[in-house]
Amino acid sequence: MHELGLLSAMVKTIEGIAREERLERIEKIVLQVGELSGVVPAYLESCYPAAVYKTFMEDTELELEIVPGIARCTQCGREFNAVAEDLKCPGCGGVQLTACSGTELMIKEIVGC
């Protein structure tokens, strides 16, 4: 489960931003998680309390936005939700795909005061 390591790194990044911006408190962070990123949103949610334990962000709310895993079939060019179609083109049945979106894991928003 690499989600805890990812969250720990993000916490350090966010704490650095908070210091630069002179934020006294962070109320909420919003993370975008792509369906094709290899990151499991449920694991992020379950690891979050451990990642922020005894940090500046201990009382910070975590919000996740799931970005659809859109892919393009290299055989027929069709774009579709790869996760919903089990990584197989619904048009031609091809499995050679190029990711168009949904590979990201990023900090979208930091709500602080």
PDB file of N, CA and C in Angstrom:
ATOM      1  N   MET A   1       0.857  -1.177   0.000  1.00  0.00           N
ATOM      2  CA  MET A   1       0.000   0.000   0.000  1.00  0.00           C
ATOM      3  C   MET A   1       0.903   1.241   0.000  1.00  0.00           C
ATOM      4  N   HIS A   2       1.106   1.811  -1.165  1.00  0.00           N
ATOM      5  CA  HIS A   2       1.958   2.993  -1.298  1.00  0.00           C
ATOM      6  C   HIS A   2       1.211   4.295  -1.028  1.00  0.00           C
ATOM      7  N   GLU A   3      -0.071   4.210  -0.800  1.00  0.00           N
ATOM      8  CA  GLU A   3      -0.875   5.409  -0.557  1.00  0.00           C
ATOM      9  C   GLU A   3      -0.409   6.198   0.668  1.00  0.00           C
ATOM     10  N   LEU A   4       0.015   5.517   1.721  1.00  0.00           N
ATOM     11  CA  LEU A   4       0.488   6.212   2.921  1.00  0.00           C
ATOM     12  C   LEU A   4       1.735   7.037   2.599  1.00  0.00           C
ATOM     13  N   GLY A   5       2.652   6.484   1.838  1.00  0.00           N
ATOM     14  CA  GLY A   5       3.852   7.221   1.434  1.00  0.00           C
ATOM     15  C   GLY A   5       3.519   8.420   0.573  1.00  0.00           C
ATOM     16  N   LEU A   6       2.578   8.244  -0.347  1.00  0.00           N
ATOM     17  CA  LEU A   6       2.146   9.359  -1.194  1.00  0.00           C
ATOM     18  C   LEU A   6       1.534  10.472  -0.358  1.00  0.00           C
ATOM     19  N   LEU A   7       0.664  10.096   0.572  1.00  0.00           N
ATOM     20  CA  LEU A   7       0.032  11.094   1.435  1.00  0.00           C
ATOM     21  C   LEU A   7       1.054  11.797   2.328  1.00  0.00           C
ATOM     22  N   SER A   8       2.007  11.067   2.854  1.00  0.00           N
ATOM     23  CA  SER A   8       3.033  11.680   3.700  1.00  0.00           C
ATOM     24  C   SER A   8       3.821  12.728   2.926  1.00  0.00           C
ATOM     25  N   ALA A   9       4.155  12.425   1.677  1.00  0.00           N
ATOM     26  CA  ALA A   9       4.866  13.395   0.839  1.00  0.00           C
ATOM     27  C   ALA A   9       3.989  14.608   0.548  1.00  0.00           C
ATOM     28  N   MET A  10       2.716  14.384   0.295  1.00  0.00           N
ATOM     29  CA  MET A  10       1.800  15.496   0.036  1.00  0.00           C
ATOM     30  C   MET A  10       1.636  16.379   1.272  1.00  0.00           C
ATOM     31  N   VAL A  11       1.578  15.765   2.444  1.00  0.00           N
ATOM     32  CA  VAL A  11       1.452  16.531   3.684  1.00  0.00           C
ATOM     33  C   VAL A  11       2.655  17.464   3.838  1.00  0.00           C
ATOM     34  N   LYS A  12       3.853  16.954   3.570  1.00  0.00           N
ATOM     35  CA  LYS A  12       5.054  17.794   3.657  1.00  0.00           C
ATOM     36  C   LYS A  12       4.991  18.944   2.653  1.00  0.00           C
ATOM     37  N   THR A  13       4.535  18.655   1.439  1.00  0.00           N
ATOM     38  CA  THR A  13       4.400  19.691   0.408  1.00  0.00           C
ATOM     39  C   THR A  13       3.393  20.745   0.844  1.00  0.00           C
ATOM     40  N   ILE A  14       2.254  20.305   1.340  1.00  0.00           N
ATOM     41  CA  ILE A  14       1.194  21.232   1.759  1.00  0.00           C
ATOM     42  C   ILE A  14       1.642  22.056   2.963  1.00  0.00           C
ATOM     43  N   GLU A  15       2.330  21.448   3.894  1.00  0.00           N
ATOM     44  CA  GLU A  15       2.839  22.204   5.044  1.00  0.00           C
ATOM     45  C   GLU A  15       3.820  23.283   4.592  1.00  0.00           C
ATOM     46  N   GLY A  16       4.646  22.981   3.589  1.00  0.00           N
ATOM     47  CA  GLY A  16       5.560  23.981   3.039  1.00  0.00           C
ATOM     48  C   GLY A  16       4.814  25.138   2.396  1.00  0.00           C
ATOM     49  N   ILE A  17       3.773  24.827   1.663  1.00  0.00           N
ATOM     50  CA  ILE A  17       2.944  25.866   1.033  1.00  0.00           C
ATOM     51  C   ILE A  17       2.271  26.714   2.101  1.00  0.00           C
ATOM     52  N   ALA A  18       1.779  26.058   3.144  1.00  0.00           N
ATOM     53  CA  ALA A  18       1.109  26.786   4.236  1.00  0.00           C
ATOM     54  C   ALA A  18       2.065  27.767   4.900  1.00  0.00           C
ATOM     55  N   ARG A  19       3.314  27.341   5.094  1.00  0.00           N
ATOM     56  CA  ARG A  19       4.314  28.253   5.679  1.00  0.00           C
ATOM     57  C   ARG A  19       4.578  29.441   4.745  1.00  0.00           C
ATOM     58  N   GLU A  20       4.758  29.171   3.465  1.00  0.00           N
ATOM     59  CA  GLU A  20       5.011  30.240   2.487  1.00  0.00           C
ATOM     60  C   GLU A  20       3.863  31.243   2.426  1.00  0.00           C
ATOM     61  N   GLU A  21       2.650  30.731   2.504  1.00  0.00           N
ATOM     62  CA  GLU A  21       1.459  31.579   2.408  1.00  0.00           C
ATOM     63  C   GLU A  21       1.021  32.130   3.761  1.00  0.00           C
ATOM     64  N   ARG A  22       1.733  31.766   4.797  1.00  0.00           N
ATOM     65  CA  ARG A  22       1.440  32.197   6.172  1.00  0.00           C
ATOM     66  C   ARG A  22       0.021  31.821   6.608  1.00  0.00           C
ATOM     67  N   LEU A  23      -0.355  30.602   6.286  1.00  0.00           N
ATOM     68  CA  LEU A  23      -1.668  30.108   6.704  1.00  0.00           C
ATOM     69  C   LEU A  23      -1.575  29.592   8.127  1.00  0.00           C
ATOM     70  N   GLU A  24      -2.508  30.003   8.958  1.00  0.00           N
ATOM     71  CA  GLU A  24      -2.539  29.537  10.339  1.00  0.00           C
ATOM     72  C   GLU A  24      -3.168  28.165  10.457  1.00  0.00           C
ATOM     73  N   ARG A  25      -4.048  27.871   9.519  1.00  0.00           N
ATOM     74  CA  ARG A  25      -4.809  26.622   9.590  1.00  0.00           C
ATOM     75  C   ARG A  25      -5.210  26.211   8.187  1.00  0.00           C
ATOM     76  N   ILE A  26      -5.252  24.916   7.943  1.00  0.00           N
ATOM     77  CA  ILE A  26      -5.767  24.383   6.684  1.00  0.00           C
ATOM     78  C   ILE A  26      -7.041  23.635   7.009  1.00  0.00           C
ATOM     79  N   GLU A  27      -8.135  24.078   6.416  1.00  0.00           N
ATOM     80  CA  GLU A  27      -9.437  23.466   6.696  1.00  0.00           C
ATOM     81  C   GLU A  27      -9.689  22.228   5.854  1.00  0.00           C
ATOM     82  N   LYS A  28      -9.244  22.291   4.588  1.00  0.00           N
ATOM     83  CA  LYS A  28      -9.562  21.188   3.675  1.00  0.00           C
ATOM     84  C   LYS A  28      -8.531  21.140   2.564  1.00  0.00           C
ATOM     85  N   ILE A  29      -8.231  19.915   2.128  1.00  0.00           N
ATOM     86  CA  ILE A  29      -7.450  19.754   0.905  1.00  0.00           C
ATOM     87  C   ILE A  29      -8.274  18.922  -0.064  1.00  0.00           C
ATOM     88  N   VAL A  30      -8.142  19.248  -1.333  1.00  0.00           N
ATOM     89  CA  VAL A  30      -8.842  18.514  -2.379  1.00  0.00           C
ATOM     90  C   VAL A  30      -7.785  17.875  -3.272  1.00  0.00           C
ATOM     91  N   LEU A  31      -7.862  16.562  -3.400  1.00  0.00           N
ATOM     92  CA  LEU A  31      -6.946  15.827  -4.259  1.00  0.00           C
ATOM     93  C   LEU A  31      -7.702  15.266  -5.442  1.00  0.00           C
ATOM     94  N   GLN A  32      -7.087  15.342  -6.617  1.00  0.00           N
ATOM     95  CA  GLN A  32      -7.642  14.684  -7.797  1.00  0.00           C
ATOM     96  C   GLN A  32      -6.919  13.357  -7.969  1.00  0.00           C
ATOM     97  N   VAL A  33      -7.707  12.301  -8.094  1.00  0.00           N
ATOM     98  CA  VAL A  33      -7.166  10.955  -8.231  1.00  0.00           C
ATOM     99  C   VAL A  33      -7.707  10.348  -9.523  1.00  0.00           C
ATOM    100  N   GLY A  34      -6.817  10.047 -10.438  1.00  0.00           N
ATOM    101  CA  GLY A  34      -7.221   9.443 -11.700  1.00  0.00           C
ATOM    102  C   GLY A  34      -7.498   7.962 -11.547  1.00  0.00           C
ATOM    103  N   GLU A  35      -8.505   7.501 -12.267  1.00  0.00           N
ATOM    104  CA  GLU A  35      -8.862   6.075 -12.217  1.00  0.00           C
ATOM    105  C   GLU A  35      -7.736   5.178 -12.739  1.00  0.00           C
ATOM    106  N   LEU A  36      -6.854   5.732 -13.556  1.00  0.00           N
ATOM    107  CA  LEU A  36      -5.751   4.951 -14.117  1.00  0.00           C
ATOM    108  C   LEU A  36      -4.414   5.247 -13.426  1.00  0.00           C
ATOM    109  N   SER A  37      -4.458   5.926 -12.289  1.00  0.00           N
ATOM    110  CA  SER A  37      -3.238   6.352 -11.610  1.00  0.00           C
ATOM    111  C   SER A  37      -2.554   5.235 -10.825  1.00  0.00           C
ATOM    112  N   GLY A  38      -3.264   4.165 -10.545  1.00  0.00           N
ATOM    113  CA  GLY A  38      -2.710   3.112  -9.707  1.00  0.00           C
ATOM    114  C   GLY A  38      -2.890   3.387  -8.227  1.00  0.00           C
ATOM    115  N   VAL A  39      -3.586   4.476  -7.905  1.00  0.00           N
ATOM    116  CA  VAL A  39      -3.849   4.848  -6.519  1.00  0.00           C
ATOM    117  C   VAL A  39      -5.299   4.492  -6.202  1.00  0.00           C
ATOM    118  N   VAL A  40      -5.497   3.843  -5.082  1.00  0.00           N
ATOM    119  CA  VAL A  40      -6.839   3.409  -4.686  1.00  0.00           C
ATOM    120  C   VAL A  40      -7.435   4.462  -3.743  1.00  0.00           C
ATOM    121  N   PRO A  41      -8.500   5.166  -4.190  1.00  0.00           N
ATOM    122  CA  PRO A  41      -9.087   6.219  -3.351  1.00  0.00           C
ATOM    123  C   PRO A  41      -9.472   5.759  -1.945  1.00  0.00           C
ATOM    124  N   ALA A  42     -10.015   4.580  -1.821  1.00  0.00           N
ATOM    125  CA  ALA A  42     -10.408   4.074  -0.495  1.00  0.00           C
ATOM    126  C   ALA A  42      -9.199   3.926   0.416  1.00  0.00           C
ATOM    127  N   TYR A  43      -8.047   3.558  -0.149  1.00  0.00           N
ATOM    128  CA  TYR A  43      -6.824   3.440   0.651  1.00  0.00           C
ATOM    129  C   TYR A  43      -6.331   4.817   1.074  1.00  0.00           C
ATOM    130  N   LEU A  44      -6.456   5.805   0.180  1.00  0.00           N
ATOM    131  CA  LEU A  44      -6.086   7.174   0.557  1.00  0.00           C
ATOM    132  C   LEU A  44      -6.906   7.616   1.760  1.00  0.00           C
ATOM    133  N   GLU A  45      -8.207   7.375   1.689  1.00  0.00           N
ATOM    134  CA  GLU A  45      -9.091   7.784   2.788  1.00  0.00           C
ATOM    135  C   GLU A  45      -8.743   7.072   4.085  1.00  0.00           C
ATOM    136  N   SER A  46      -8.426   5.783   4.008  1.00  0.00           N
ATOM    137  CA  SER A  46      -8.137   5.045   5.238  1.00  0.00           C
ATOM    138  C   SER A  46      -6.754   5.391   5.804  1.00  0.00           C
ATOM    139  N   CYS A  47      -5.805   5.758   4.947  1.00  0.00           N
ATOM    140  CA  CYS A  47      -4.453   6.114   5.405  1.00  0.00           C
ATOM    141  C   CYS A  47      -4.348   7.568   5.846  1.00  0.00           C
ATOM    142  N   TYR A  48      -5.274   8.387   5.445  1.00  0.00           N
ATOM    143  CA  TYR A  48      -5.172   9.824   5.708  1.00  0.00           C
ATOM    144  C   TYR A  48      -4.986  10.161   7.190  1.00  0.00           C
ATOM    145  N   PRO A  49      -5.770   9.585   8.108  1.00  0.00           N
ATOM    146  CA  PRO A  49      -5.566   9.926   9.524  1.00  0.00           C
ATOM    147  C   PRO A  49      -4.134   9.635  10.009  1.00  0.00           C
ATOM    148  N   ALA A  50      -3.541   8.561   9.543  1.00  0.00           N
ATOM    149  CA  ALA A  50      -2.161   8.239   9.946  1.00  0.00           C
ATOM    150  C   ALA A  50      -1.165   9.223   9.337  1.00  0.00           C
ATOM    151  N   ALA A  51      -1.416   9.668   8.112  1.00  0.00           N
ATOM    152  CA  ALA A  51      -0.504  10.593   7.433  1.00  0.00           C
ATOM    153  C   ALA A  51      -0.488  11.974   8.082  1.00  0.00           C
ATOM    154  N   VAL A  52      -1.610  12.388   8.662  1.00  0.00           N
ATOM    155  CA  VAL A  52      -1.689  13.734   9.249  1.00  0.00           C
ATOM    156  C   VAL A  52      -1.578  13.725  10.777  1.00  0.00           C
ATOM    157  N   TYR A  53      -1.443  12.557  11.364  1.00  0.00           N
ATOM    158  CA  TYR A  53      -1.362  12.429  12.820  1.00  0.00           C
ATOM    159  C   TYR A  53      -0.204  13.264  13.367  1.00  0.00           C
ATOM    160  N   LYS A  54      -0.514  14.094  14.355  1.00  0.00           N
ATOM    161  CA  LYS A  54       0.453  14.968  15.026  1.00  0.00           C
ATOM    162  C   LYS A  54       1.169  15.918  14.059  1.00  0.00           C
ATOM    163  N   THR A  55       0.442  16.360  13.043  1.00  0.00           N
ATOM    164  CA  THR A  55       0.981  17.365  12.124  1.00  0.00           C
ATOM    165  C   THR A  55       0.085  18.595  12.187  1.00  0.00           C
ATOM    166  N   PHE A  56       0.507  19.616  11.504  1.00  0.00           N
ATOM    167  CA  PHE A  56      -0.248  20.850  11.342  1.00  0.00           C
ATOM    168  C   PHE A  56      -1.628  20.586  10.744  1.00  0.00           C
ATOM    169  N   MET A  57      -1.759  19.485  10.015  1.00  0.00           N
ATOM    170  CA  MET A  57      -2.988  19.185   9.273  1.00  0.00           C
ATOM    171  C   MET A  57      -3.878  18.152   9.956  1.00  0.00           C
ATOM    172  N   GLU A  58      -3.648  17.887  11.218  1.00  0.00           N
ATOM    173  CA  GLU A  58      -4.371  16.820  11.902  1.00  0.00           C
ATOM    174  C   GLU A  58      -5.895  16.970  11.827  1.00  0.00           C
ATOM    175  N   ASP A  59      -6.406  18.193  11.833  1.00  0.00           N
ATOM    176  CA  ASP A  59      -7.855  18.415  11.782  1.00  0.00           C
ATOM    177  C   ASP A  59      -8.341  18.823  10.395  1.00  0.00           C
ATOM    178  N   THR A  60      -7.542  18.599   9.385  1.00  0.00           N
ATOM    179  CA  THR A  60      -7.876  18.995   8.020  1.00  0.00           C
ATOM    180  C   THR A  60      -8.741  17.938   7.337  1.00  0.00           C
ATOM    181  N   GLU A  61      -9.766  18.401   6.664  1.00  0.00           N
ATOM    182  CA  GLU A  61     -10.659  17.507   5.916  1.00  0.00           C
ATOM    183  C   GLU A  61     -10.007  17.121   4.594  1.00  0.00           C
ATOM    184  N   LEU A  62     -10.190  15.888   4.187  1.00  0.00           N
ATOM    185  CA  LEU A  62      -9.710  15.390   2.899  1.00  0.00           C
ATOM    186  C   LEU A  62     -10.902  15.202   1.968  1.00  0.00           C
ATOM    187  N   GLU A  63     -10.810  15.785   0.782  1.00  0.00           N
ATOM    188  CA  GLU A  63     -11.834  15.574  -0.247  1.00  0.00           C
ATOM    189  C   GLU A  63     -11.143  15.006  -1.479  1.00  0.00           C
ATOM    190  N   LEU A  64     -11.722  13.962  -2.040  1.00  0.00           N
ATOM    191  CA  LEU A  64     -11.168  13.343  -3.245  1.00  0.00           C
ATOM    192  C   LEU A  64     -12.091  13.570  -4.428  1.00  0.00           C
ATOM    193  N   GLU A  65     -11.501  13.936  -5.547  1.00  0.00           N
ATOM    194  CA  GLU A  65     -12.230  14.031  -6.809  1.00  0.00           C
ATOM    195  C   GLU A  65     -11.656  12.955  -7.724  1.00  0.00           C
ATOM    196  N   ILE A  66     -12.524  12.097  -8.205  1.00  0.00           N
ATOM    197  CA  ILE A  66     -12.089  11.014  -9.071  1.00  0.00           C
ATOM    198  C   ILE A  66     -12.152  11.489 -10.529  1.00  0.00           C
ATOM    199  N   VAL A  67     -11.024  11.352 -11.226  1.00  0.00           N
ATOM    200  CA  VAL A  67     -10.939  11.751 -12.634  1.00  0.00           C
ATOM    201  C   VAL A  67     -11.112  10.494 -13.481  1.00  0.00           C
ATOM    202  N   PRO A  68     -12.101  10.495 -14.382  1.00  0.00           N
ATOM    203  CA  PRO A  68     -12.347   9.306 -15.202  1.00  0.00           C
ATOM    204  C   PRO A  68     -11.116   8.894 -16.019  1.00  0.00           C
ATOM    205  N   GLY A  69     -10.930   7.596 -16.130  1.00  0.00           N
ATOM    206  CA  GLY A  69      -9.821   7.043 -16.911  1.00  0.00           C
ATOM    207  C   GLY A  69     -10.210   6.914 -18.372  1.00  0.00           C
ATOM    208  N   ILE A  70     -10.018   7.981 -19.111  1.00  0.00           N
ATOM    209  CA  ILE A  70     -10.369   7.989 -20.535  1.00  0.00           C
ATOM    210  C   ILE A  70      -9.157   7.541 -21.357  1.00  0.00           C
ATOM    211  N   ALA A  71      -9.391   6.623 -22.276  1.00  0.00           N
ATOM    212  CA  ALA A  71      -8.325   6.104 -23.125  1.00  0.00           C
ATOM    213  C   ALA A  71      -8.762   6.156 -24.590  1.00  0.00           C
ATOM    214  N   ARG A  72      -7.754   6.127 -25.462  1.00  0.00           N
ATOM    215  CA  ARG A  72      -7.986   6.071 -26.905  1.00  0.00           C
ATOM    216  C   ARG A  72      -7.434   4.744 -27.417  1.00  0.00           C
ATOM    217  N   CYS A  73      -8.238   4.057 -28.192  1.00  0.00           N
ATOM    218  CA  CYS A  73      -7.820   2.800 -28.798  1.00  0.00           C
ATOM    219  C   CYS A  73      -6.847   3.122 -29.936  1.00  0.00           C
ATOM    220  N   THR A  74      -5.683   2.494 -29.927  1.00  0.00           N
ATOM    221  CA  THR A  74      -4.705   2.769 -30.984  1.00  0.00           C
ATOM    222  C   THR A  74      -5.078   2.086 -32.294  1.00  0.00           C
ATOM    223  N   GLN A  75      -6.022   1.149 -32.246  1.00  0.00           N
ATOM    224  CA  GLN A  75      -6.437   0.459 -33.461  1.00  0.00           C
ATOM    225  C   GLN A  75      -7.521   1.223 -34.228  1.00  0.00           C
ATOM    226  N   CYS A  76      -8.561   1.689 -33.501  1.00  0.00           N
ATOM    227  CA  CYS A  76      -9.680   2.340 -34.200  1.00  0.00           C
ATOM    228  C   CYS A  76      -9.832   3.821 -33.854  1.00  0.00           C
ATOM    229  N   GLY A  77      -9.089   4.298 -32.846  1.00  0.00           N
ATOM    230  CA  GLY A  77      -9.138   5.708 -32.481  1.00  0.00           C
ATOM    231  C   GLY A  77     -10.279   6.115 -31.561  1.00  0.00           C
ATOM    232  N   ARG A  78     -11.098   5.197 -31.152  1.00  0.00           N
ATOM    233  CA  ARG A  78     -12.230   5.514 -30.286  1.00  0.00           C
ATOM    234  C   ARG A  78     -11.758   5.886 -28.878  1.00  0.00           C
ATOM    235  N   GLU A  79     -12.390   6.900 -28.276  1.00  0.00           N
ATOM    236  CA  GLU A  79     -12.129   7.277 -26.897  1.00  0.00           C
ATOM    237  C   GLU A  79     -13.267   6.772 -26.025  1.00  0.00           C
ATOM    238  N   PHE A  80     -12.911   6.271 -24.832  1.00  0.00           N
ATOM    239  CA  PHE A  80     -13.916   5.677 -23.949  1.00  0.00           C
ATOM    240  C   PHE A  80     -13.354   5.603 -22.536  1.00  0.00           C
ATOM    241  N   ASN A  81     -14.236   5.332 -21.571  1.00  0.00           N
ATOM    242  CA  ASN A  81     -13.819   5.145 -20.190  1.00  0.00           C
ATOM    243  C   ASN A  81     -13.225   3.740 -20.080  1.00  0.00           C
ATOM    244  N   ALA A  82     -11.918   3.687 -19.955  1.00  0.00           N
ATOM    245  CA  ALA A  82     -11.210   2.411 -19.962  1.00  0.00           C
ATOM    246  C   ALA A  82     -11.565   1.537 -18.766  1.00  0.00           C
ATOM    247  N   VAL A  83     -11.799   2.153 -17.621  1.00  0.00           N
ATOM    248  CA  VAL A  83     -12.137   1.379 -16.425  1.00  0.00           C
ATOM    249  C   VAL A  83     -13.514   0.738 -16.587  1.00  0.00           C
ATOM    250  N   ALA A  84     -14.462   1.515 -17.076  1.00  0.00           N
ATOM    251  CA  ALA A  84     -15.825   1.002 -17.259  1.00  0.00           C
ATOM    252  C   ALA A  84     -15.869  -0.128 -18.292  1.00  0.00           C
ATOM    253  N   GLU A  85     -14.929  -0.109 -19.221  1.00  0.00           N
ATOM    254  CA  GLU A  85     -14.905  -1.125 -20.291  1.00  0.00           C
ATOM    255  C   GLU A  85     -13.843  -2.195 -20.062  1.00  0.00           C
ATOM    256  N   ASP A  86     -13.358  -2.298 -18.823  1.00  0.00           N
ATOM    257  CA  ASP A  86     -12.350  -3.312 -18.465  1.00  0.00           C
ATOM    258  C   ASP A  86     -11.115  -3.281 -19.374  1.00  0.00           C
ATOM    259  N   LEU A  87     -10.683  -2.061 -19.706  1.00  0.00           N
ATOM    260  CA  LEU A  87      -9.472  -1.840 -20.502  1.00  0.00           C
ATOM    261  C   LEU A  87      -9.526  -2.503 -21.877  1.00  0.00           C
ATOM    262  N   LYS A  88     -10.722  -2.526 -22.453  1.00  0.00           N
ATOM    263  CA  LYS A  88     -10.919  -3.132 -23.771  1.00  0.00           C
ATOM    264  C   LYS A  88     -11.822  -2.222 -24.582  1.00  0.00           C
ATOM    265  N   CYS A  89     -11.429  -1.894 -25.797  1.00  0.00           N
ATOM    266  CA  CYS A  89     -12.210  -0.989 -26.638  1.00  0.00           C
ATOM    267  C   CYS A  89     -13.590  -1.572 -26.930  1.00  0.00           C
ATOM    268  N   PRO A  90     -14.644  -0.808 -26.638  1.00  0.00           N
ATOM    269  CA  PRO A  90     -15.998  -1.298 -26.922  1.00  0.00           C
ATOM    270  C   PRO A  90     -16.315  -1.279 -28.419  1.00  0.00           C
ATOM    271  N   GLY A  91     -15.507  -0.591 -29.197  1.00  0.00           N
ATOM    272  CA  GLY A  91     -15.742  -0.515 -30.637  1.00  0.00           C
ATOM    273  C   GLY A  91     -15.177  -1.700 -31.402  1.00  0.00           C
ATOM    274  N   CYS A  92     -13.870  -1.967 -31.179  1.00  0.00           N
ATOM    275  CA  CYS A  92     -13.211  -3.018 -31.966  1.00  0.00           C
ATOM    276  C   CYS A  92     -12.660  -4.157 -31.117  1.00  0.00           C
ATOM    277  N   GLY A  93     -12.726  -4.012 -29.789  1.00  0.00           N
ATOM    278  CA  GLY A  93     -12.207  -5.052 -28.903  1.00  0.00           C
ATOM    279  C   GLY A  93     -10.711  -4.958 -28.662  1.00  0.00           C
ATOM    280  N   GLY A  94     -10.093  -3.910 -29.194  1.00  0.00           N
ATOM    281  CA  GLY A  94      -8.652  -3.746 -29.036  1.00  0.00           C
ATOM    282  C   GLY A  94      -8.232  -3.486 -27.599  1.00  0.00           C
ATOM    283  N   VAL A  95      -7.006  -3.879 -27.293  1.00  0.00           N
ATOM    284  CA  VAL A  95      -6.475  -3.670 -25.950  1.00  0.00           C
ATOM    285  C   VAL A  95      -5.224  -2.786 -25.961  1.00  0.00           C
ATOM    286  N   GLN A  96      -4.844  -2.288 -27.113  1.00  0.00           N
ATOM    287  CA  GLN A  96      -3.728  -1.348 -27.212  1.00  0.00           C
ATOM    288  C   GLN A  96      -4.300   0.051 -27.017  1.00  0.00           C
ATOM    289  N   LEU A  97      -4.093   0.611 -25.831  1.00  0.00           N
ATOM    290  CA  LEU A  97      -4.730   1.866 -25.465  1.00  0.00           C
ATOM    291  C   LEU A  97      -3.693   2.919 -25.097  1.00  0.00           C
ATOM    292  N   THR A  98      -4.073   4.174 -25.306  1.00  0.00           N
ATOM    293  CA  THR A  98      -3.280   5.311 -24.861  1.00  0.00           C
ATOM    294  C   THR A  98      -4.144   6.107 -23.900  1.00  0.00           C
ATOM    295  N   ALA A  99      -3.608   6.377 -22.717  1.00  0.00           N
ATOM    296  CA  ALA A  99      -4.364   7.131 -21.713  1.00  0.00           C
ATOM    297  C   ALA A  99      -4.494   8.587 -22.145  1.00  0.00           C
ATOM    298  N   CYS A 100      -5.708   9.116 -22.073  1.00  0.00           N
ATOM    299  CA  CYS A 100      -5.977  10.533 -22.377  1.00  0.00           C
ATOM    300  C   CYS A 100      -6.141  11.331 -21.088  1.00  0.00           C
ATOM    301  N   SER A 101      -6.742  10.730 -20.086  1.00  0.00           N
ATOM    302  CA  SER A 101      -6.908  11.358 -18.771  1.00  0.00           C
ATOM    303  C   SER A 101      -7.100  10.266 -17.741  1.00  0.00           C
ATOM    304  N   GLY A 102      -6.931  10.674 -16.489  1.00  0.00           N
ATOM    305  CA  GLY A 102      -7.158   9.728 -15.409  1.00  0.00           C
ATOM    306  C   GLY A 102      -5.894   9.099 -14.859  1.00  0.00           C
ATOM    307  N   THR A 103      -4.726   9.634 -15.234  1.00  0.00           N
ATOM    308  CA  THR A 103      -3.475   9.109 -14.684  1.00  0.00           C
ATOM    309  C   THR A 103      -2.922   9.977 -13.561  1.00  0.00           C
ATOM    310  N   GLU A 104      -3.596  11.080 -13.279  1.00  0.00           N
ATOM    311  CA  GLU A 104      -3.062  12.051 -12.331  1.00  0.00           C
ATOM    312  C   GLU A 104      -3.363  11.726 -10.873  1.00  0.00           C
ATOM    313  N   LEU A 105      -2.473  12.236 -10.040  1.00  0.00           N
ATOM    314  CA  LEU A 105      -2.685  12.325  -8.601  1.00  0.00           C
ATOM    315  C   LEU A 105      -2.113  13.681  -8.245  1.00  0.00           C
ATOM    316  N   MET A 106      -2.988  14.623  -7.944  1.00  0.00           N
ATOM    317  CA  MET A 106      -2.507  15.982  -7.706  1.00  0.00           C
ATOM    318  C   MET A 106      -3.304  16.711  -6.644  1.00  0.00           C
ATOM    319  N   ILE A 107      -2.635  17.685  -6.052  1.00  0.00           N
ATOM    320  CA  ILE A 107      -3.283  18.557  -5.089  1.00  0.00           C
ATOM    321  C   ILE A 107      -4.025  19.612  -5.909  1.00  0.00           C
ATOM    322  N   LYS A 108      -5.333  19.599  -5.849  1.00  0.00           N
ATOM    323  CA  LYS A 108      -6.129  20.551  -6.621  1.00  0.00           C
ATOM    324  C   LYS A 108      -6.363  21.843  -5.851  1.00  0.00           C
ATOM    325  N   GLU A 109      -6.621  21.713  -4.555  1.00  0.00           N
ATOM    326  CA  GLU A 109      -7.000  22.896  -3.785  1.00  0.00           C
ATOM    327  C   GLU A 109      -6.586  22.738  -2.329  1.00  0.00           C
ATOM    328  N   ILE A 110      -6.160  23.854  -1.756  1.00  0.00           N
ATOM    329  CA  ILE A 110      -5.861  23.929  -0.334  1.00  0.00           C
ATOM    330  C   ILE A 110      -6.706  25.072   0.229  1.00  0.00           C
ATOM    331  N   VAL A 111      -7.603  24.733   1.126  1.00  0.00           N
ATOM    332  CA  VAL A 111      -8.467  25.744   1.723  1.00  0.00           C
ATOM    333  C   VAL A 111      -7.924  26.047   3.108  1.00  0.00           C
ATOM    334  N   GLY A 112      -7.440  27.268   3.276  1.00  0.00           N
ATOM    335  CA  GLY A 112      -6.839  27.625   4.541  1.00  0.00           C
ATOM    336  C   GLY A 112      -7.207  29.032   4.970  1.00  0.00           C
ATOM    337  N   CYS A 113      -6.781  29.398   6.153  1.00  0.00           N
ATOM    338  CA  CYS A 113      -7.006  30.753   6.662  1.00  0.00           C
ATOM    339  C   CYS A 113      -5.838  31.175   7.524  1.00  0.00           C
TER     340      CYS A 113
END
